[in-house]
Amino acid sequence: MASIDKAFDIMLKLEFNNPANALHKNKTESGWTFMGIYQTAHPKLSLWSKVNDAVSLSSSVAEASKMLYADKELLGEVKKFYKDKFWDRMWLDKVDSQHKATEIFVFGVNAGCGRAVRLAQIVSGAVADSVIGPKTIEKINQCDEKVFDARFDEEEIKYYEAIVANNPSKSIFLKGWKNRAMAI
């Protein structure tokens, strides 16, 4: 069975490239982003008080970012957030292939659980209703890993290209989204 530990490490590498930018502000967001978690989307998480404290105590955002990244308790909170909000909601512990589970997880973090499940259903031949259940898991587990990987990447890219087609201002993200899709 798949494990969040491996998928979490891969996802974090895609969210930021070193501890100095684990905390940052995106041009399109008003709040902080810490390890891929947007403050504006999840304002009630307790980790924001630590983030605010670190920012106020540090001489730079990079310094605050490194300090926060070194906080093992905070990293545990972050991992629990991703496990609860994404991994467990998509039943990824029940997927036999670590690769497939990681693929679904990483896309789900970026595009939402429903979209990730629907895409996995389309790729594996399950009923595409965006609802995870035993039949979907069975279809995902039966699908050849290489076929699943290639088709999932293709569908991810189509999804991102559709976003840009509908909103050209998002084109600044397209290369990164495509790289993210192909990274797994």
C-alpha atoms as a PDB file:
ATOM      1  CA  MET A   1       0.000   0.000   0.000  1.00  0.00           C
ATOM      2  CA  ALA A   2       1.026   3.562  -0.628  1.00  0.00           C
ATOM      3  CA  SER A   3       2.426   5.791   2.114  1.00  0.00           C
ATOM      4  CA  ILE A   4       1.962   9.500   2.596  1.00  0.00           C
ATOM      5  CA  ASP A   5       5.578   9.805   3.774  1.00  0.00           C
ATOM      6  CA  LYS A   6       7.081   9.383   0.306  1.00  0.00           C
ATOM      7  CA  ALA A   7       4.329  11.354  -1.433  1.00  0.00           C
ATOM      8  CA  PHE A   8       4.622  14.195   1.081  1.00  0.00           C
ATOM      9  CA  ASP A   9       8.364  14.546   0.486  1.00  0.00           C
ATOM     10  CA  ILE A  10       7.879  14.672  -3.285  1.00  0.00           C
ATOM     11  CA  MET A  11       5.037  17.176  -2.995  1.00  0.00           C
ATOM     12  CA  LEU A  12       7.109  19.475  -0.779  1.00  0.00           C
ATOM     13  CA  LYS A  13       9.954  19.485  -3.293  1.00  0.00           C
ATOM     14  CA  LEU A  14       7.467  20.636  -5.910  1.00  0.00           C
ATOM     15  CA  GLU A  15       6.062  23.360  -3.652  1.00  0.00           C
ATOM     16  CA  PHE A  16       9.394  25.025  -2.852  1.00  0.00           C
ATOM     17  CA  ASN A  17      13.042  24.395  -3.615  1.00  0.00           C
ATOM     18  CA  ASN A  18      14.779  25.173  -0.314  1.00  0.00           C
ATOM     19  CA  PRO A  19      14.041  26.080   3.317  1.00  0.00           C
ATOM     20  CA  ALA A  20      14.603  29.777   2.601  1.00  0.00           C
ATOM     21  CA  ASN A  21      11.481  29.896   0.433  1.00  0.00           C
ATOM     22  CA  ALA A  22       9.194  27.537   2.334  1.00  0.00           C
ATOM     23  CA  LEU A  23       7.511  30.772   3.459  1.00  0.00           C
ATOM     24  CA  HIS A  24       6.695  33.357   0.827  1.00  0.00           C
ATOM     25  CA  LYS A  25       3.984  35.564  -0.636  1.00  0.00           C
ATOM     26  CA  ASN A  26       2.656  34.796  -4.084  1.00  0.00           C
ATOM     27  CA  LYS A  27       1.890  37.707  -6.377  1.00  0.00           C
ATOM     28  CA  THR A  28      -1.687  36.466  -6.749  1.00  0.00           C
ATOM     29  CA  GLU A  29      -2.373  35.896  -3.030  1.00  0.00           C
ATOM     30  CA  SER A  30      -2.819  38.384  -0.212  1.00  0.00           C
ATOM     31  CA  GLY A  31      -1.574  36.174   2.616  1.00  0.00           C
ATOM     32  CA  TRP A  32       1.422  33.963   3.275  1.00  0.00           C
ATOM     33  CA  THR A  33       2.140  30.606   1.711  1.00  0.00           C
ATOM     34  CA  PHE A  34       3.939  28.154   3.957  1.00  0.00           C
ATOM     35  CA  MET A  35       5.017  24.809   2.538  1.00  0.00           C
ATOM     36  CA  GLY A  36       2.335  25.092  -0.107  1.00  0.00           C
ATOM     37  CA  ILE A  37      -0.493  26.061   2.264  1.00  0.00           C
ATOM     38  CA  TYR A  38      -2.182  29.356   1.408  1.00  0.00           C
ATOM     39  CA  GLN A  39      -3.125  31.458   4.402  1.00  0.00           C
ATOM     40  CA  THR A  40      -6.081  33.014   2.576  1.00  0.00           C
ATOM     41  CA  ALA A  41      -7.501  29.565   1.810  1.00  0.00           C
ATOM     42  CA  HIS A  42      -6.881  28.175   5.316  1.00  0.00           C
ATOM     43  CA  PRO A  43      -6.830  31.182   7.652  1.00  0.00           C
ATOM     44  CA  LYS A  44      -7.834  29.294  10.806  1.00  0.00           C
ATOM     45  CA  LEU A  45      -4.872  26.932  10.941  1.00  0.00           C
ATOM     46  CA  SER A  46      -2.924  27.322  14.162  1.00  0.00           C
ATOM     47  CA  LEU A  47       0.371  27.367  12.279  1.00  0.00           C
ATOM     48  CA  TRP A  48      -0.227  30.986  11.171  1.00  0.00           C
ATOM     49  CA  SER A  49       0.476  32.275  14.660  1.00  0.00           C
ATOM     50  CA  LYS A  50       3.942  30.666  14.506  1.00  0.00           C
ATOM     51  CA  VAL A  51       4.435  32.108  11.029  1.00  0.00           C
ATOM     52  CA  ASN A  52       3.489  35.603  12.166  1.00  0.00           C
ATOM     53  CA  ASP A  53       5.752  35.327  15.216  1.00  0.00           C
ATOM     54  CA  ALA A  54       8.682  34.151  13.095  1.00  0.00           C
ATOM     55  CA  VAL A  55       8.203  36.971  10.594  1.00  0.00           C
ATOM     56  CA  SER A  56       8.082  39.589  13.351  1.00  0.00           C
ATOM     57  CA  LEU A  57      11.223  38.181  15.027  1.00  0.00           C
ATOM     58  CA  SER A  58      13.274  37.811  11.850  1.00  0.00           C
ATOM     59  CA  SER A  59      15.201  40.291   9.774  1.00  0.00           C
ATOM     60  CA  SER A  60      13.901  38.775   6.526  1.00  0.00           C
ATOM     61  CA  VAL A  61      11.266  36.420   5.183  1.00  0.00           C
ATOM     62  CA  ALA A  62      14.032  33.995   4.173  1.00  0.00           C
ATOM     63  CA  GLU A  63      15.326  33.921   7.749  1.00  0.00           C
ATOM     64  CA  ALA A  64      11.791  33.368   9.106  1.00  0.00           C
ATOM     65  CA  SER A  65      11.272  30.646   6.513  1.00  0.00           C
ATOM     66  CA  LYS A  66      14.411  28.769   7.589  1.00  0.00           C
ATOM     67  CA  MET A  67      13.437  29.090  11.245  1.00  0.00           C
ATOM     68  CA  LEU A  68       9.936  27.744  10.571  1.00  0.00           C
ATOM     69  CA  TYR A  69      11.254  24.933   8.388  1.00  0.00           C
ATOM     70  CA  ALA A  70      13.517  23.797  11.243  1.00  0.00           C
ATOM     71  CA  ASP A  71      10.545  23.542  13.652  1.00  0.00           C
ATOM     72  CA  LYS A  72       9.802  19.783  13.790  1.00  0.00           C
ATOM     73  CA  GLU A  73       6.499  20.296  15.585  1.00  0.00           C
ATOM     74  CA  LEU A  74       5.370  22.719  12.893  1.00  0.00           C
ATOM     75  CA  LEU A  75       6.411  20.289  10.164  1.00  0.00           C
ATOM     76  CA  GLY A  76       4.268  17.676  11.888  1.00  0.00           C
ATOM     77  CA  GLU A  77       1.300  20.074  11.739  1.00  0.00           C
ATOM     78  CA  VAL A  78       1.911  20.663   8.055  1.00  0.00           C
ATOM     79  CA  LYS A  79       2.076  16.940   7.310  1.00  0.00           C
ATOM     80  CA  LYS A  80      -1.100  16.325   9.325  1.00  0.00           C
ATOM     81  CA  PHE A  81      -2.841  19.068   7.332  1.00  0.00           C
ATOM     82  CA  TYR A  82      -1.938  17.407   4.025  1.00  0.00           C
ATOM     83  CA  LYS A  83      -2.821  13.944   5.312  1.00  0.00           C
ATOM     84  CA  ASP A  84      -6.226  15.030   6.621  1.00  0.00           C
ATOM     85  CA  LYS A  85      -7.204  17.389   3.800  1.00  0.00           C
ATOM     86  CA  PHE A  86      -5.904  15.408   0.840  1.00  0.00           C
ATOM     87  CA  TRP A  87      -4.386  11.961   1.416  1.00  0.00           C
ATOM     88  CA  ASP A  88      -7.116  10.538   3.649  1.00  0.00           C
ATOM     89  CA  ARG A  89      -9.987  12.203   1.747  1.00  0.00           C
ATOM     90  CA  MET A  90      -8.844  10.456  -1.423  1.00  0.00           C
ATOM     91  CA  TRP A  91      -8.304   7.079   0.294  1.00  0.00           C
ATOM     92  CA  LEU A  92      -4.754   6.939  -0.990  1.00  0.00           C
ATOM     93  CA  ASP A  93      -3.665   4.436   1.679  1.00  0.00           C
ATOM     94  CA  LYS A  94      -5.769   1.921  -0.261  1.00  0.00           C
ATOM     95  CA  VAL A  95      -3.913   2.440  -3.546  1.00  0.00           C
ATOM     96  CA  ASP A  96      -1.448  -0.396  -4.193  1.00  0.00           C
ATOM     97  CA  SER A  97       1.014   1.685  -6.189  1.00  0.00           C
ATOM     98  CA  GLN A  98       3.052   4.384  -4.466  1.00  0.00           C
ATOM     99  CA  HIS A  99       3.536   6.067  -7.835  1.00  0.00           C
ATOM    100  CA  LYS A 100      -0.196   6.260  -8.616  1.00  0.00           C
ATOM    101  CA  ALA A 101      -1.028   7.473  -5.116  1.00  0.00           C
ATOM    102  CA  THR A 102       1.670  10.148  -5.292  1.00  0.00           C
ATOM    103  CA  GLU A 103       0.442  11.270  -8.711  1.00  0.00           C
ATOM    104  CA  ILE A 104      -3.124  11.641  -7.429  1.00  0.00           C
ATOM    105  CA  PHE A 105      -2.002  13.295  -4.186  1.00  0.00           C
ATOM    106  CA  VAL A 106       0.208  15.917  -5.816  1.00  0.00           C
ATOM    107  CA  PHE A 107      -2.475  16.849  -8.348  1.00  0.00           C
ATOM    108  CA  GLY A 108      -5.111  16.899  -5.596  1.00  0.00           C
ATOM    109  CA  VAL A 109      -3.025  19.334  -3.545  1.00  0.00           C
ATOM    110  CA  ASN A 110      -2.828  21.656  -6.540  1.00  0.00           C
ATOM    111  CA  ALA A 111      -6.274  21.230  -8.122  1.00  0.00           C
ATOM    112  CA  GLY A 112      -8.492  19.818  -5.360  1.00  0.00           C
ATOM    113  CA  CYS A 113      -9.487  16.338  -4.249  1.00  0.00           C
ATOM    114  CA  GLY A 114     -12.589  16.096  -6.431  1.00  0.00           C
ATOM    115  CA  ARG A 115     -10.674  16.923  -9.608  1.00  0.00           C
ATOM    116  CA  ALA A 116      -7.864  14.540  -8.727  1.00  0.00           C
ATOM    117  CA  VAL A 117     -10.283  11.699  -8.012  1.00  0.00           C
ATOM    118  CA  ARG A 118     -12.237  12.420 -11.206  1.00  0.00           C
ATOM    119  CA  LEU A 119      -9.056  12.421 -13.261  1.00  0.00           C
ATOM    120  CA  ALA A 120      -7.944   9.116 -11.681  1.00  0.00           C
ATOM    121  CA  GLN A 121     -11.389   7.699 -12.460  1.00  0.00           C
ATOM    122  CA  ILE A 122     -11.184   8.802 -16.099  1.00  0.00           C
ATOM    123  CA  VAL A 123      -7.688   7.371 -16.485  1.00  0.00           C
ATOM    124  CA  SER A 124      -8.511   4.046 -14.801  1.00  0.00           C
ATOM    125  CA  GLY A 125     -11.915   3.517 -16.427  1.00  0.00           C
ATOM    126  CA  ALA A 126     -13.988   3.985 -13.271  1.00  0.00           C
ATOM    127  CA  VAL A 127     -17.234   5.927 -13.246  1.00  0.00           C
ATOM    128  CA  ALA A 128     -16.119   9.578 -13.296  1.00  0.00           C
ATOM    129  CA  ASP A 129     -18.237  11.022 -10.490  1.00  0.00           C
ATOM    130  CA  SER A 130     -15.456  12.613  -8.390  1.00  0.00           C
ATOM    131  CA  VAL A 131     -16.442  10.404  -5.448  1.00  0.00           C
ATOM    132  CA  ILE A 132     -13.841   8.005  -4.096  1.00  0.00           C
ATOM    133  CA  GLY A 133     -15.004   4.569  -3.074  1.00  0.00           C
ATOM    134  CA  PRO A 134     -14.111   0.878  -3.242  1.00  0.00           C
ATOM    135  CA  LYS A 135     -14.947   0.570  -6.959  1.00  0.00           C
ATOM    136  CA  THR A 136     -12.709   3.512  -7.865  1.00  0.00           C
ATOM    137  CA  ILE A 137      -9.864   2.151  -5.743  1.00  0.00           C
ATOM    138  CA  GLU A 138     -10.268  -1.251  -7.393  1.00  0.00           C
ATOM    139  CA  LYS A 139     -10.100   0.301 -10.881  1.00  0.00           C
ATOM    140  CA  ILE A 140      -7.050   2.404  -9.970  1.00  0.00           C
ATOM    141  CA  ASN A 141      -5.305  -0.660  -8.544  1.00  0.00           C
ATOM    142  CA  GLN A 142      -6.112  -2.712 -11.657  1.00  0.00           C
ATOM    143  CA  CYS A 143      -4.790  -0.088 -14.064  1.00  0.00           C
ATOM    144  CA  ASP A 144      -1.284  -0.669 -15.424  1.00  0.00           C
ATOM    145  CA  GLU A 145       1.066   1.774 -13.666  1.00  0.00           C
ATOM    146  CA  LYS A 146       2.797   3.009 -16.838  1.00  0.00           C
ATOM    147  CA  VAL A 147      -0.520   3.515 -18.635  1.00  0.00           C
ATOM    148  CA  PHE A 148      -1.945   5.297 -15.594  1.00  0.00           C
ATOM    149  CA  ASP A 149       1.115   7.556 -15.331  1.00  0.00           C
ATOM    150  CA  ALA A 150       1.133   8.582 -18.992  1.00  0.00           C
ATOM    151  CA  ARG A 151      -2.622   9.193 -19.172  1.00  0.00           C
ATOM    152  CA  PHE A 152      -2.750  10.999 -15.835  1.00  0.00           C
ATOM    153  CA  ASP A 153       0.038  13.372 -16.908  1.00  0.00           C
ATOM    154  CA  GLU A 154      -1.742  13.997 -20.207  1.00  0.00           C
ATOM    155  CA  GLU A 155      -5.041  14.766 -18.453  1.00  0.00           C
ATOM    156  CA  GLU A 156      -3.333  17.024 -15.907  1.00  0.00           C
ATOM    157  CA  ILE A 157      -1.767  19.065 -18.684  1.00  0.00           C
ATOM    158  CA  LYS A 158      -5.116  19.333 -20.497  1.00  0.00           C
ATOM    159  CA  TYR A 159      -6.664  20.607 -17.276  1.00  0.00           C
ATOM    160  CA  TYR A 160      -3.983  23.272 -16.829  1.00  0.00           C
ATOM    161  CA  GLU A 161      -4.159  24.306 -20.487  1.00  0.00           C
ATOM    162  CA  ALA A 162      -7.934  24.733 -20.126  1.00  0.00           C
ATOM    163  CA  ILE A 163      -7.395  27.025 -17.135  1.00  0.00           C
ATOM    164  CA  VAL A 164      -5.090  29.211 -19.218  1.00  0.00           C
ATOM    165  CA  ALA A 165      -7.461  29.155 -22.203  1.00  0.00           C
ATOM    166  CA  ASN A 166     -10.252  30.421 -19.924  1.00  0.00           C
ATOM    167  CA  ASN A 167      -8.030  32.909 -18.106  1.00  0.00           C
ATOM    168  CA  PRO A 168      -4.913  33.960 -20.049  1.00  0.00           C
ATOM    169  CA  SER A 169      -3.540  35.838 -17.017  1.00  0.00           C
ATOM    170  CA  LYS A 170      -2.821  32.392 -15.513  1.00  0.00           C
ATOM    171  CA  SER A 171      -0.371  31.628 -18.333  1.00  0.00           C
ATOM    172  CA  ILE A 172       2.474  32.645 -15.999  1.00  0.00           C
ATOM    173  CA  PHE A 173       1.800  29.408 -14.087  1.00  0.00           C
ATOM    174  CA  LEU A 174       1.480  27.045 -17.075  1.00  0.00           C
ATOM    175  CA  LYS A 175       5.135  26.047 -17.394  1.00  0.00           C
ATOM    176  CA  GLY A 176       5.351  25.305 -13.662  1.00  0.00           C
ATOM    177  CA  TRP A 177       2.096  23.339 -13.741  1.00  0.00           C
ATOM    178  CA  LYS A 178       3.302  21.273 -16.683  1.00  0.00           C
ATOM    179  CA  ASN A 179       6.635  20.636 -14.974  1.00  0.00           C
ATOM    180  CA  ARG A 180       4.757  19.579 -11.840  1.00  0.00           C
ATOM    181  CA  ALA A 181       2.599  17.174 -13.857  1.00  0.00           C
ATOM    182  CA  MET A 182       5.602  15.602 -15.566  1.00  0.00           C
ATOM    183  CA  ALA A 183       7.701  15.420 -12.375  1.00  0.00           C
ATOM    184  CA  ILE A 184       5.889  12.340 -11.149  1.00  0.00           C
END
